[in-house]
Amino acid sequence: MRILTLFLGALVTASVAAQPLDWAKEVPVVAQLEGADNPESALGLAESFFQKGQFGEAERLALHVLRDSPQSQGARFLLANIALSTGRIDLGQKYVSELLTSNPKEPDNLVLQGMVFMLRGEPVQAIDYLKQGVVLGQDQCSAGQLASYVNTLALAYHQNDQPELALET
């Protein structure tokens, strides 16, 4: 959930037409794996790289986790966030679709799908997913996480030229 909150902040300021990263300039992640002796610690390290804006490192490490643990929803979630944060919406959609297939009632997954639609300029579809995420999040999420969902829903209403609903949200 912490990654989603960071991504929401980036969504407000990021350009949808982000330039692809120069992955070759990133430091090889293999050196970092020595301290990550299990998928959870490796994923934690990947999240740390993501939070620092080191998307290439985060992606390589999350892909490593996914190869070792093909069922890892955390790795998929992080990979979706990385893809969307770097303007690779189709790749982000691939990961979000996998997340929704395995867990269609997870609020983070629904909100992430809503963000994909927002980045595509399809706020009507985004609003449907975001509303579902908010409703389910009321029972499953912290107050801070729910607030970030509601803020994202307000942004979608604003993007859909519905400022009155944005204010009510």
Protein backbone atom coordinates (compact mmCIF):
# COMPACT_ATOMS: atom_id res chain seq x y z
CA MET A 1 0.00 0.00 0.00
CA ARG A 2 2.89 2.40 0.61
CA ILE A 3 3.90 2.14 -3.03
CA LEU A 4 0.42 3.05 -4.21
CA THR A 5 0.48 6.18 -2.06
CA LEU A 6 3.80 7.23 -3.57
CA PHE A 7 2.53 6.52 -7.05
CA LEU A 8 -0.59 8.62 -6.45
CA GLY A 9 1.59 11.61 -5.66
CA ALA A 10 3.63 11.03 -8.79
CA LEU A 11 0.45 10.68 -10.86
CA VAL A 12 -0.49 14.27 -10.17
CA THR A 13 2.82 15.66 -11.42
CA ALA A 14 4.14 13.05 -13.84
CA SER A 15 3.88 13.43 -17.56
CA VAL A 16 1.99 10.63 -19.26
CA ALA A 17 4.42 10.86 -22.14
CA ALA A 18 7.40 9.99 -19.94
CA GLN A 19 10.58 9.15 -21.75
CA PRO A 20 11.84 5.56 -21.40
CA LEU A 21 14.55 5.18 -18.81
CA ASP A 22 18.10 4.51 -19.84
CA TRP A 23 18.29 1.14 -18.10
CA ALA A 24 21.91 0.66 -19.07
CA LYS A 25 23.00 3.46 -16.73
CA GLU A 26 21.58 1.72 -13.66
CA VAL A 27 23.93 -0.09 -11.28
CA PRO A 28 23.57 -3.88 -11.59
CA VAL A 29 21.17 -5.19 -8.97
CA VAL A 30 23.16 -8.40 -8.48
CA ALA A 31 25.40 -6.62 -5.99
CA GLN A 32 22.33 -5.68 -3.94
CA LEU A 33 20.97 -9.23 -3.83
CA GLU A 34 23.57 -10.34 -1.31
CA GLY A 35 21.55 -8.71 1.48
CA ALA A 36 18.26 -10.14 0.22
CA ASP A 37 18.20 -13.79 1.18
CA ASN A 38 14.49 -14.37 0.60
CA PRO A 39 11.75 -13.02 -1.69
CA GLU A 40 10.26 -10.78 1.01
CA SER A 41 13.53 -9.02 1.79
CA ALA A 42 14.34 -8.77 -1.93
CA LEU A 43 10.92 -7.22 -2.53
CA GLY A 44 11.50 -4.81 0.35
CA LEU A 45 14.77 -3.76 -1.27
CA ALA A 46 12.98 -3.32 -4.60
CA GLU A 47 10.36 -1.11 -2.91
CA SER A 48 13.17 0.95 -1.41
CA PHE A 49 14.68 1.48 -4.85
CA PHE A 50 11.26 2.47 -6.18
CA GLN A 51 10.75 5.01 -3.40
CA LYS A 52 14.14 6.53 -4.23
CA GLY A 53 13.20 6.81 -7.90
CA GLN A 54 15.68 4.11 -8.93
CA PHE A 55 13.17 2.43 -11.21
CA GLY A 56 15.63 0.31 -13.18
CA GLU A 57 17.03 -1.25 -10.01
CA ALA A 58 13.55 -1.74 -8.56
CA GLU A 59 12.32 -3.37 -11.74
CA ARG A 60 15.25 -5.74 -12.08
CA LEU A 61 14.93 -6.84 -8.48
CA ALA A 62 11.13 -7.23 -8.67
CA LEU A 63 11.52 -9.32 -11.84
CA HIS A 64 14.06 -11.46 -9.97
CA VAL A 65 11.52 -11.96 -7.16
CA LEU A 66 8.80 -12.84 -9.68
CA ARG A 67 11.06 -15.43 -11.34
CA ASP A 68 11.80 -17.00 -7.94
CA SER A 69 8.20 -16.68 -6.69
CA PRO A 70 5.86 -16.70 -9.71
CA GLN A 71 2.80 -16.20 -7.48
CA SER A 72 4.17 -13.03 -5.85
CA GLN A 73 1.42 -10.44 -5.94
CA GLY A 74 3.73 -7.92 -4.29
CA ALA A 75 6.24 -8.20 -7.13
CA ARG A 76 3.48 -7.80 -9.72
CA PHE A 77 2.08 -4.80 -7.89
CA LEU A 78 5.50 -3.15 -7.75
CA LEU A 79 6.16 -3.93 -11.41
CA ALA A 80 2.82 -2.36 -12.35
CA ASN A 81 3.71 0.77 -10.39
CA ILE A 82 7.14 0.96 -12.00
CA ALA A 83 5.69 0.55 -15.49
CA LEU A 84 3.07 3.24 -14.90
CA SER A 85 5.57 5.58 -13.27
CA THR A 86 7.82 5.30 -16.32
CA GLY A 87 5.08 5.84 -18.88
CA ARG A 88 4.80 2.20 -19.99
CA ILE A 89 1.05 2.01 -19.63
CA ASP A 90 0.54 -1.17 -21.67
CA LEU A 91 3.07 -3.05 -19.56
CA GLY A 92 1.47 -1.66 -16.41
CA GLN A 93 -1.92 -2.87 -17.66
CA LYS A 94 -0.48 -6.35 -18.18
CA TYR A 95 0.57 -6.57 -14.54
CA VAL A 96 -2.67 -5.00 -13.28
CA SER A 97 -4.70 -7.51 -15.30
CA GLU A 98 -2.74 -10.35 -13.69
CA LEU A 99 -3.39 -8.86 -10.26
CA LEU A 100 -7.12 -8.49 -10.92
CA THR A 101 -7.36 -12.03 -12.26
CA SER A 102 -5.90 -13.44 -9.06
CA ASN A 103 -7.58 -11.04 -6.64
CA PRO A 104 -10.42 -8.96 -8.13
CA LYS A 105 -11.61 -7.69 -4.73
CA GLU A 106 -8.28 -6.23 -3.57
CA PRO A 107 -8.76 -2.44 -3.26
CA ASP A 108 -5.16 -1.66 -4.32
CA ASN A 109 -5.64 -3.64 -7.53
CA LEU A 110 -8.90 -1.86 -8.33
CA VAL A 111 -7.41 1.56 -7.66
CA LEU A 112 -4.37 0.71 -9.76
CA GLN A 113 -6.67 -0.28 -12.65
CA GLY A 114 -8.43 3.05 -12.21
CA MET A 115 -5.08 4.82 -12.49
CA VAL A 116 -4.31 2.97 -15.72
CA PHE A 117 -7.54 4.33 -17.18
CA MET A 118 -6.71 7.82 -15.91
CA LEU A 119 -3.31 7.70 -17.58
CA ARG A 120 -5.02 6.61 -20.79
CA GLY A 121 -7.37 9.59 -20.55
CA GLU A 122 -10.40 7.38 -19.86
CA PRO A 123 -11.76 8.84 -16.61
CA VAL A 124 -15.24 7.30 -16.91
CA GLN A 125 -13.78 3.78 -16.74
CA ALA A 126 -11.36 4.94 -14.04
CA ILE A 127 -14.20 6.19 -11.86
CA ASP A 128 -15.91 2.79 -11.88
CA TYR A 129 -12.80 1.00 -10.62
CA LEU A 130 -11.90 3.73 -8.15
CA LYS A 131 -15.38 3.68 -6.62
CA GLN A 132 -15.09 -0.09 -6.13
CA GLY A 133 -11.68 0.37 -4.51
CA VAL A 134 -13.04 3.02 -2.13
CA VAL A 135 -16.03 0.87 -1.12
CA LEU A 136 -13.91 -2.24 -0.49
CA GLY A 137 -11.17 -0.18 1.10
CA GLN A 138 -13.49 1.04 3.84
CA ASP A 139 -13.30 -2.40 5.46
CA GLN A 140 -9.79 -3.42 4.42
CA CYS A 141 -7.52 -0.37 4.52
CA SER A 142 -6.09 2.15 6.91
CA ALA A 143 -7.57 5.62 7.06
CA GLY A 144 -4.54 7.04 5.25
CA GLN A 145 -4.77 4.53 2.44
CA LEU A 146 -8.50 5.12 2.08
CA ALA A 147 -7.84 8.86 1.91
CA SER A 148 -5.41 8.31 -0.97
CA TYR A 149 -8.07 6.24 -2.79
CA VAL A 150 -10.63 9.02 -2.30
CA ASN A 151 -8.15 11.63 -3.54
CA THR A 152 -7.54 9.57 -6.66
CA LEU A 153 -11.29 9.30 -7.22
CA ALA A 154 -11.55 13.09 -6.88
CA LEU A 155 -8.81 13.47 -9.50
CA ALA A 156 -10.73 11.18 -11.85
CA TYR A 157 -13.88 13.25 -11.40
CA HIS A 158 -11.86 16.37 -12.11
CA GLN A 159 -10.33 14.74 -15.21
CA ASN A 160 -13.88 13.89 -16.32
CA ASP A 161 -14.97 17.56 -16.00
CA GLN A 162 -17.08 16.86 -12.93
CA PRO A 163 -15.64 19.35 -10.44
CA GLU A 164 -18.76 19.26 -8.27
CA LEU A 165 -18.34 15.52 -7.69
CA ALA A 166 -14.61 16.02 -7.12
CA LEU A 167 -15.42 18.48 -4.33
CA GLU A 168 -18.08 16.20 -2.81
CA THR A 169 -15.64 13.30 -2.75
